Amino acid sequence: MPNAITRLIIGGTIIMTAAFAAPANAAENKLTIVNPPNLGDPSPNGYSTAVIVAPNARIAYISGQGGQDSTGGLSPDFATQVKQAYANLGAALEGIGASPDQVAKLTVYVVDHDMSKLGVLTQNVMEMFGANLPAQTLVPVPKLAIDPMLFEVEAVVVLD
């Protein structure tokens, strides 16, 4: 199927299913979470199918946050890196005057991803975002910018 047609179908599906959307505190952060019932509930896996951003909203992009601690050290443990990366994302959000419920989209990069890592990822995203789960994409990669890095998370944030 040509790319333009695929985008039209996906965009139309999101618009058509907006009636099933539940606001994720839309008055404050202008995000509407959409989980169309015909696609199943993705929330147990730590994400939402789509997030609609209100017109004229200001958007911030947070660069990939890895699992480095305040000294630049990296644990060799995947779970430790993920926990620290989400703490670093929280600090970046605080630095721009935002909170987790303003995150519309996450992209996570996992070195040598396998299914055993999903539990760690889901636990951390649920702890940070609760019921306001952003849209999310997981990208398996062979390596990241620094060899000991095992995980990185970047975010798209709606400021107002």
N, C-alpha and C. Protein backbone atom coordinates (compact mmCIF):
# COMPACT_ATOMS: atom_id res chain seq x y z
N MET A 1 0.85 -1.17 0.00
CA MET A 1 0.00 0.00 0.00
C MET A 1 0.90 1.24 0.00
N PRO A 2 0.64 2.19 -0.89
CA PRO A 2 1.47 3.40 -0.92
C PRO A 2 1.45 4.12 0.43
N ASN A 3 2.57 4.75 0.76
CA ASN A 3 2.76 5.42 2.05
C ASN A 3 1.67 6.47 2.32
N ALA A 4 1.31 7.27 1.32
CA ALA A 4 0.30 8.32 1.53
C ALA A 4 -1.05 7.72 1.89
N ILE A 5 -1.40 6.60 1.27
CA ILE A 5 -2.68 5.96 1.57
C ILE A 5 -2.65 5.40 2.99
N THR A 6 -1.53 4.79 3.38
CA THR A 6 -1.40 4.25 4.73
C THR A 6 -1.58 5.37 5.75
N ARG A 7 -0.94 6.50 5.53
CA ARG A 7 -1.07 7.63 6.47
C ARG A 7 -2.50 8.14 6.52
N LEU A 8 -3.16 8.20 5.38
CA LEU A 8 -4.55 8.66 5.32
C LEU A 8 -5.43 7.71 6.12
N ILE A 9 -5.24 6.40 5.96
CA ILE A 9 -6.04 5.42 6.69
C ILE A 9 -5.80 5.53 8.18
N ILE A 10 -4.53 5.61 8.58
CA ILE A 10 -4.21 5.72 10.01
C ILE A 10 -4.76 7.01 10.58
N GLY A 11 -4.56 8.12 9.88
CA GLY A 11 -5.07 9.40 10.36
C GLY A 11 -6.59 9.39 10.47
N GLY A 12 -7.25 8.82 9.46
CA GLY A 12 -8.71 8.73 9.49
C GLY A 12 -9.19 7.86 10.62
N THR A 13 -8.47 6.77 10.89
CA THR A 13 -8.84 5.89 11.98
C THR A 13 -8.74 6.62 13.31
N ILE A 14 -7.68 7.38 13.49
CA ILE A 14 -7.52 8.13 14.74
C ILE A 14 -8.63 9.16 14.89
N ILE A 15 -8.95 9.86 13.82
CA ILE A 15 -10.02 10.86 13.90
C ILE A 15 -11.35 10.19 14.18
N MET A 16 -11.63 9.08 13.49
CA MET A 16 -12.90 8.39 13.67
C MET A 16 -13.05 7.81 15.06
N THR A 17 -11.94 7.41 15.68
CA THR A 17 -12.02 6.80 17.00
C THR A 17 -11.89 7.81 18.13
N ALA A 18 -11.77 9.08 17.80
CA ALA A 18 -11.64 10.10 18.85
C ALA A 18 -12.85 10.10 19.77
N ALA A 19 -13.97 9.63 19.29
CA ALA A 19 -15.16 9.56 20.13
C ALA A 19 -14.96 8.60 21.31
N PHE A 20 -14.03 7.67 21.19
CA PHE A 20 -13.74 6.72 22.25
C PHE A 20 -12.66 7.22 23.19
N ALA A 21 -12.19 8.43 22.97
CA ALA A 21 -11.06 8.95 23.74
C ALA A 21 -11.48 9.38 25.12
N ALA A 22 -10.57 9.22 26.06
CA ALA A 22 -10.76 9.72 27.41
C ALA A 22 -9.70 10.77 27.66
N PRO A 23 -10.09 11.99 28.03
CA PRO A 23 -9.09 13.02 28.24
C PRO A 23 -8.13 12.63 29.36
N ALA A 24 -6.87 12.94 29.14
CA ALA A 24 -5.84 12.70 30.15
C ALA A 24 -5.53 14.03 30.82
N ASN A 25 -6.56 14.62 31.43
CA ASN A 25 -6.44 15.93 32.06
C ASN A 25 -6.26 17.00 30.99
N ALA A 26 -7.12 16.95 29.96
CA ALA A 26 -7.01 17.80 28.79
C ALA A 26 -7.05 19.29 29.10
N ALA A 27 -7.77 19.68 30.13
CA ALA A 27 -7.87 21.11 30.44
C ALA A 27 -6.51 21.68 30.80
N GLU A 28 -5.66 20.90 31.45
CA GLU A 28 -4.37 21.40 31.87
C GLU A 28 -3.27 21.20 30.83
N ASN A 29 -3.20 20.01 30.23
CA ASN A 29 -2.06 19.74 29.37
C ASN A 29 -2.42 19.52 27.91
N LYS A 30 -3.69 19.59 27.58
CA LYS A 30 -4.15 19.53 26.19
C LYS A 30 -3.80 18.23 25.49
N LEU A 31 -3.81 17.12 26.22
CA LEU A 31 -3.57 15.81 25.64
C LEU A 31 -4.85 14.98 25.75
N THR A 32 -5.16 14.26 24.70
CA THR A 32 -6.27 13.32 24.74
C THR A 32 -5.73 11.95 24.36
N ILE A 33 -5.88 11.00 25.27
CA ILE A 33 -5.42 9.64 25.03
C ILE A 33 -6.50 8.89 24.26
N VAL A 34 -6.08 8.18 23.21
CA VAL A 34 -7.01 7.41 22.39
C VAL A 34 -6.54 5.96 22.35
N ASN A 35 -7.39 5.07 22.84
CA ASN A 35 -7.16 3.64 22.77
C ASN A 35 -8.40 2.99 22.14
N PRO A 36 -8.46 2.96 20.81
CA PRO A 36 -9.65 2.41 20.15
C PRO A 36 -9.92 0.97 20.60
N PRO A 37 -11.15 0.67 20.95
CA PRO A 37 -11.47 -0.66 21.48
C PRO A 37 -11.16 -1.80 20.49
N ASN A 38 -11.22 -1.51 19.20
CA ASN A 38 -10.96 -2.56 18.22
C ASN A 38 -9.47 -2.90 18.09
N LEU A 39 -8.60 -2.16 18.77
CA LEU A 39 -7.16 -2.46 18.76
C LEU A 39 -6.70 -3.12 20.05
N GLY A 40 -7.58 -3.29 21.00
CA GLY A 40 -7.19 -3.87 22.28
C GLY A 40 -6.61 -2.80 23.19
N ASP A 41 -6.50 -3.13 24.46
CA ASP A 41 -6.01 -2.19 25.46
C ASP A 41 -4.49 -2.34 25.62
N PRO A 42 -3.72 -1.34 25.17
CA PRO A 42 -2.27 -1.44 25.30
C PRO A 42 -1.74 -1.02 26.67
N SER A 43 -2.58 -0.47 27.53
CA SER A 43 -2.10 0.08 28.80
C SER A 43 -1.39 -0.93 29.70
N PRO A 44 -1.77 -2.23 29.72
CA PRO A 44 -0.98 -3.15 30.54
C PRO A 44 0.47 -3.27 30.07
N ASN A 45 0.73 -2.87 28.83
CA ASN A 45 2.09 -2.90 28.31
C ASN A 45 2.80 -1.57 28.45
N GLY A 46 2.14 -0.59 29.09
CA GLY A 46 2.80 0.66 29.41
C GLY A 46 2.74 1.75 28.36
N TYR A 47 1.74 1.72 27.48
CA TYR A 47 1.63 2.78 26.49
C TYR A 47 0.18 2.95 26.06
N SER A 48 -0.09 4.04 25.34
CA SER A 48 -1.38 4.29 24.72
C SER A 48 -1.22 4.21 23.21
N THR A 49 -2.30 3.90 22.51
CA THR A 49 -2.24 3.77 21.06
C THR A 49 -1.93 5.11 20.40
N ALA A 50 -2.60 6.16 20.84
CA ALA A 50 -2.40 7.48 20.24
C ALA A 50 -2.67 8.56 21.29
N VAL A 51 -2.06 9.71 21.08
CA VAL A 51 -2.29 10.87 21.94
C VAL A 51 -2.50 12.06 21.02
N ILE A 52 -3.62 12.74 21.21
CA ILE A 52 -3.93 13.92 20.39
C ILE A 52 -3.51 15.16 21.16
N VAL A 53 -2.79 16.04 20.49
CA VAL A 53 -2.33 17.30 21.07
C VAL A 53 -3.24 18.41 20.55
N ALA A 54 -3.67 19.28 21.44
CA ALA A 54 -4.56 20.38 21.07
C ALA A 54 -3.86 21.34 20.10
N PRO A 55 -4.66 21.99 19.25
CA PRO A 55 -4.08 22.97 18.32
C PRO A 55 -3.36 24.09 19.09
N ASN A 56 -2.33 24.61 18.49
CA ASN A 56 -1.56 25.74 19.04
C ASN A 56 -0.82 25.43 20.33
N ALA A 57 -0.66 24.16 20.67
CA ALA A 57 0.09 23.80 21.87
C ALA A 57 1.58 24.00 21.61
N ARG A 58 2.30 24.40 22.65
CA ARG A 58 3.77 24.47 22.55
C ARG A 58 4.33 23.09 22.83
N ILE A 59 5.27 22.67 22.02
CA ILE A 59 5.85 21.33 22.13
C ILE A 59 7.34 21.45 22.49
N ALA A 60 7.79 20.59 23.39
CA ALA A 60 9.21 20.49 23.72
C ALA A 60 9.67 19.07 23.40
N TYR A 61 10.91 18.95 22.98
CA TYR A 61 11.50 17.66 22.67
C TYR A 61 12.65 17.43 23.64
N ILE A 62 12.58 16.34 24.38
CA ILE A 62 13.65 16.02 25.32
C ILE A 62 14.55 14.98 24.66
N SER A 63 15.82 15.30 24.58
CA SER A 63 16.80 14.38 24.00
C SER A 63 16.85 13.09 24.79
N GLY A 64 17.40 12.07 24.14
CA GLY A 64 17.51 10.77 24.77
C GLY A 64 18.22 10.83 26.11
N GLN A 65 17.58 10.26 27.12
CA GLN A 65 18.15 10.19 28.46
C GLN A 65 18.58 8.76 28.73
N GLY A 66 19.84 8.59 29.03
CA GLY A 66 20.37 7.28 29.34
C GLY A 66 20.40 7.05 30.83
N GLY A 67 21.01 5.96 31.23
CA GLY A 67 21.05 5.56 32.63
C GLY A 67 22.24 6.07 33.40
N GLN A 68 22.88 7.16 32.96
CA GLN A 68 24.01 7.70 33.69
C GLN A 68 23.55 8.34 34.99
N ASP A 69 24.29 8.11 36.06
CA ASP A 69 23.99 8.78 37.32
C ASP A 69 24.61 10.18 37.30
N SER A 70 24.52 10.91 38.40
CA SER A 70 24.99 12.30 38.43
C SER A 70 26.50 12.44 38.23
N THR A 71 27.24 11.35 38.39
CA THR A 71 28.69 11.40 38.15
C THR A 71 29.05 10.93 36.74
N GLY A 72 28.04 10.54 35.97
CA GLY A 72 28.28 10.03 34.62
C GLY A 72 28.48 8.53 34.58
N GLY A 73 28.41 7.89 35.74
CA GLY A 73 28.59 6.45 35.81
C GLY A 73 27.40 5.68 35.28
N LEU A 74 27.67 4.50 34.71
CA LEU A 74 26.64 3.62 34.18
C LEU A 74 26.74 2.25 34.83
N SER A 75 25.66 1.79 35.42
CA SER A 75 25.63 0.44 35.94
C SER A 75 25.62 -0.54 34.77
N PRO A 76 26.21 -1.70 34.91
CA PRO A 76 26.13 -2.70 33.85
C PRO A 76 24.76 -3.41 33.82
N ASP A 77 23.91 -3.14 34.82
CA ASP A 77 22.62 -3.79 34.95
C ASP A 77 21.53 -3.05 34.17
N PHE A 78 20.82 -3.76 33.30
CA PHE A 78 19.77 -3.16 32.48
C PHE A 78 18.70 -2.47 33.33
N ALA A 79 18.17 -3.16 34.33
CA ALA A 79 17.10 -2.59 35.16
C ALA A 79 17.54 -1.32 35.87
N THR A 80 18.78 -1.29 36.33
CA THR A 80 19.31 -0.10 36.99
C THR A 80 19.41 1.06 36.01
N GLN A 81 19.87 0.79 34.80
CA GLN A 81 19.96 1.84 33.79
C GLN A 81 18.57 2.39 33.43
N VAL A 82 17.60 1.51 33.29
CA VAL A 82 16.25 1.96 32.94
C VAL A 82 15.69 2.85 34.04
N LYS A 83 15.81 2.42 35.28
CA LYS A 83 15.31 3.22 36.42
C LYS A 83 15.98 4.60 36.44
N GLN A 84 17.30 4.64 36.25
CA GLN A 84 18.02 5.91 36.26
C GLN A 84 17.63 6.77 35.07
N ALA A 85 17.43 6.16 33.90
CA ALA A 85 17.04 6.93 32.70
C ALA A 85 15.70 7.61 32.92
N TYR A 86 14.75 6.92 33.55
CA TYR A 86 13.45 7.55 33.83
C TYR A 86 13.59 8.63 34.90
N ALA A 87 14.49 8.45 35.86
CA ALA A 87 14.76 9.51 36.84
C ALA A 87 15.35 10.72 36.11
N ASN A 88 16.25 10.47 35.16
CA ASN A 88 16.84 11.57 34.39
C ASN A 88 15.79 12.26 33.53
N LEU A 89 14.86 11.49 32.96
CA LEU A 89 13.76 12.08 32.20
C LEU A 89 12.91 12.96 33.12
N GLY A 90 12.65 12.48 34.33
CA GLY A 90 11.90 13.29 35.30
C GLY A 90 12.61 14.60 35.61
N ALA A 91 13.92 14.56 35.75
CA ALA A 91 14.69 15.78 36.01
C ALA A 91 14.63 16.73 34.81
N ALA A 92 14.69 16.18 33.60
CA ALA A 92 14.58 17.01 32.39
C ALA A 92 13.21 17.65 32.30
N LEU A 93 12.16 16.89 32.63
CA LEU A 93 10.81 17.46 32.64
C LEU A 93 10.71 18.60 33.65
N GLU A 94 11.22 18.36 34.84
CA GLU A 94 11.21 19.39 35.88
C GLU A 94 11.97 20.63 35.41
N GLY A 95 13.07 20.41 34.71
CA GLY A 95 13.90 21.52 34.22
C GLY A 95 13.18 22.42 33.23
N ILE A 96 12.19 21.87 32.51
CA ILE A 96 11.42 22.70 31.57
C ILE A 96 10.05 23.08 32.13
N GLY A 97 9.85 22.80 33.42
CA GLY A 97 8.60 23.17 34.07
C GLY A 97 7.43 22.28 33.67
N ALA A 98 7.70 21.02 33.35
CA ALA A 98 6.65 20.10 32.93
C ALA A 98 6.58 18.92 33.89
N SER A 99 5.54 18.12 33.73
CA SER A 99 5.36 16.93 34.54
C SER A 99 5.07 15.73 33.63
N PRO A 100 5.14 14.52 34.16
CA PRO A 100 4.92 13.35 33.31
C PRO A 100 3.59 13.34 32.57
N ASP A 101 2.54 13.92 33.16
CA ASP A 101 1.25 13.89 32.46
C ASP A 101 1.20 14.81 31.24
N GLN A 102 2.28 15.50 30.95
CA GLN A 102 2.37 16.34 29.76
C GLN A 102 3.15 15.67 28.63
N VAL A 103 3.64 14.45 28.87
CA VAL A 103 4.39 13.72 27.85
C VAL A 103 3.40 13.06 26.89
N ALA A 104 3.52 13.41 25.61
CA ALA A 104 2.64 12.84 24.59
C ALA A 104 3.23 11.59 23.96
N LYS A 105 4.56 11.53 23.83
CA LYS A 105 5.18 10.44 23.08
C LYS A 105 6.56 10.13 23.65
N LEU A 106 6.83 8.85 23.80
CA LEU A 106 8.16 8.36 24.17
C LEU A 106 8.70 7.50 23.05
N THR A 107 9.99 7.57 22.84
CA THR A 107 10.69 6.60 22.01
C THR A 107 11.79 6.03 22.88
N VAL A 108 11.80 4.71 23.01
CA VAL A 108 12.82 4.05 23.82
C VAL A 108 13.68 3.18 22.92
N TYR A 109 14.96 3.18 23.23
CA TYR A 109 15.95 2.41 22.48
C TYR A 109 16.55 1.38 23.43
N VAL A 110 16.51 0.12 23.04
CA VAL A 110 16.98 -0.96 23.90
C VAL A 110 18.04 -1.76 23.16
N VAL A 111 19.22 -1.84 23.76
CA VAL A 111 20.31 -2.63 23.18
C VAL A 111 20.00 -4.11 23.39
N ASP A 112 20.14 -4.87 22.31
CA ASP A 112 19.92 -6.32 22.35
C ASP A 112 18.59 -6.68 23.01
N HIS A 113 17.54 -6.04 22.55
CA HIS A 113 16.21 -6.25 23.12
C HIS A 113 15.78 -7.71 23.00
N ASP A 114 15.15 -8.19 24.06
CA ASP A 114 14.44 -9.46 24.02
C ASP A 114 13.24 -9.33 24.96
N MET A 115 12.35 -10.29 24.90
CA MET A 115 11.09 -10.18 25.63
C MET A 115 11.28 -10.12 27.15
N SER A 116 12.40 -10.60 27.65
CA SER A 116 12.63 -10.55 29.10
C SER A 116 12.77 -9.12 29.61
N LYS A 117 13.06 -8.18 28.74
CA LYS A 117 13.25 -6.79 29.17
C LYS A 117 11.94 -6.01 29.25
N LEU A 118 10.87 -6.53 28.66
CA LEU A 118 9.60 -5.79 28.65
C LEU A 118 9.05 -5.53 30.04
N GLY A 119 9.18 -6.48 30.95
CA GLY A 119 8.67 -6.28 32.30
C GLY A 119 9.33 -5.10 32.99
N VAL A 120 10.64 -4.97 32.84
CA VAL A 120 11.38 -3.85 33.43
C VAL A 120 10.90 -2.54 32.83
N LEU A 121 10.75 -2.51 31.51
CA LEU A 121 10.31 -1.29 30.83
C LEU A 121 8.90 -0.90 31.27
N THR A 122 7.99 -1.85 31.27
CA THR A 122 6.59 -1.58 31.64
C THR A 122 6.51 -1.08 33.08
N GLN A 123 7.22 -1.71 33.99
CA GLN A 123 7.18 -1.30 35.39
C GLN A 123 7.61 0.16 35.55
N ASN A 124 8.69 0.53 34.89
CA ASN A 124 9.21 1.89 35.04
C ASN A 124 8.29 2.93 34.41
N VAL A 125 7.73 2.62 33.25
CA VAL A 125 6.84 3.59 32.61
C VAL A 125 5.54 3.73 33.42
N MET A 126 5.05 2.63 33.98
CA MET A 126 3.83 2.71 34.81
C MET A 126 4.09 3.51 36.08
N GLU A 127 5.26 3.33 36.68
CA GLU A 127 5.59 4.09 37.89
C GLU A 127 5.65 5.58 37.59
N MET A 128 6.17 5.96 36.45
CA MET A 128 6.33 7.38 36.13
C MET A 128 5.03 8.01 35.63
N PHE A 129 4.26 7.28 34.83
CA PHE A 129 3.12 7.89 34.14
C PHE A 129 1.75 7.48 34.68
N GLY A 130 1.67 6.44 35.49
CA GLY A 130 0.38 6.00 36.02
C GLY A 130 -0.62 5.72 34.91
N ALA A 131 -1.81 6.30 35.02
CA ALA A 131 -2.87 6.07 34.03
C ALA A 131 -2.72 6.94 32.78
N ASN A 132 -1.87 7.97 32.84
CA ASN A 132 -1.68 8.88 31.69
C ASN A 132 -0.54 8.38 30.80
N LEU A 133 -0.71 7.21 30.24
CA LEU A 133 0.36 6.59 29.46
C LEU A 133 0.51 7.26 28.10
N PRO A 134 1.71 7.72 27.78
CA PRO A 134 1.93 8.34 26.47
C PRO A 134 1.96 7.29 25.36
N ALA A 135 1.86 7.75 24.13
CA ALA A 135 2.15 6.88 23.00
C ALA A 135 3.63 6.52 23.11
N GLN A 136 4.00 5.34 22.59
CA GLN A 136 5.38 4.91 22.80
C GLN A 136 5.82 3.96 21.69
N THR A 137 7.07 4.10 21.31
CA THR A 137 7.68 3.18 20.35
C THR A 137 8.97 2.64 20.94
N LEU A 138 9.15 1.33 20.87
CA LEU A 138 10.37 0.69 21.31
C LEU A 138 11.18 0.32 20.07
N VAL A 139 12.44 0.75 20.05
CA VAL A 139 13.32 0.47 18.92
C VAL A 139 14.50 -0.38 19.42
N PRO A 140 14.57 -1.64 19.00
CA PRO A 140 15.74 -2.45 19.33
C PRO A 140 16.95 -1.96 18.53
N VAL A 141 18.08 -1.83 19.20
CA VAL A 141 19.30 -1.35 18.54
C VAL A 141 20.49 -2.23 18.95
N PRO A 142 21.51 -2.30 18.10
CA PRO A 142 22.70 -3.08 18.46
C PRO A 142 23.59 -2.38 19.49
N LYS A 143 23.58 -1.03 19.48
CA LYS A 143 24.36 -0.26 20.46
C LYS A 143 23.86 1.18 20.46
N LEU A 144 24.26 1.90 21.50
CA LEU A 144 23.91 3.32 21.64
C LEU A 144 25.18 4.16 21.61
N ALA A 145 25.08 5.44 21.89
CA ALA A 145 26.19 6.38 21.73
C ALA A 145 27.43 6.01 22.54
N ILE A 146 27.22 5.49 23.73
CA ILE A 146 28.31 5.09 24.61
C ILE A 146 28.20 3.58 24.80
N ASP A 147 29.27 2.85 24.57
CA ASP A 147 29.20 1.38 24.60
C ASP A 147 28.49 0.77 25.81
N PRO A 148 28.71 1.22 27.05
CA PRO A 148 28.01 0.55 28.16
C PRO A 148 26.52 0.87 28.26
N MET A 149 26.03 1.84 27.46
CA MET A 149 24.60 2.18 27.52
C MET A 149 23.76 1.03 26.99
N LEU A 150 22.70 0.69 27.75
CA LEU A 150 21.80 -0.38 27.36
C LEU A 150 20.40 0.13 27.06
N PHE A 151 20.12 1.39 27.42
CA PHE A 151 18.77 1.93 27.32
C PHE A 151 18.83 3.44 27.17
N GLU A 152 17.89 3.98 26.39
CA GLU A 152 17.76 5.43 26.24
C GLU A 152 16.28 5.74 25.98
N VAL A 153 15.80 6.86 26.54
CA VAL A 153 14.41 7.28 26.35
C VAL A 153 14.37 8.76 25.98
N GLU A 154 13.62 9.08 24.93
CA GLU A 154 13.40 10.48 24.54
C GLU A 154 11.91 10.76 24.60
N ALA A 155 11.55 12.04 24.71
CA ALA A 155 10.15 12.40 24.92
C ALA A 155 9.74 13.63 24.11
N VAL A 156 8.46 13.63 23.74
CA VAL A 156 7.80 14.80 23.17
C VAL A 156 6.81 15.26 24.23
N VAL A 157 6.91 16.54 24.61
CA VAL A 157 6.17 17.07 25.75
C VAL A 157 5.31 18.25 25.29
N VAL A 158 4.06 18.30 25.76
CA VAL A 158 3.17 19.42 25.49
C VAL A 158 3.24 20.37 26.66
N LEU A 159 3.74 21.58 26.42
CA LEU A 159 3.94 22.54 27.51
C LEU A 159 2.68 23.30 27.88
N ASP A 160 1.88 23.67 26.91
CA ASP A 160 0.61 24.34 27.20
C ASP A 160 -0.29 24.26 26.01
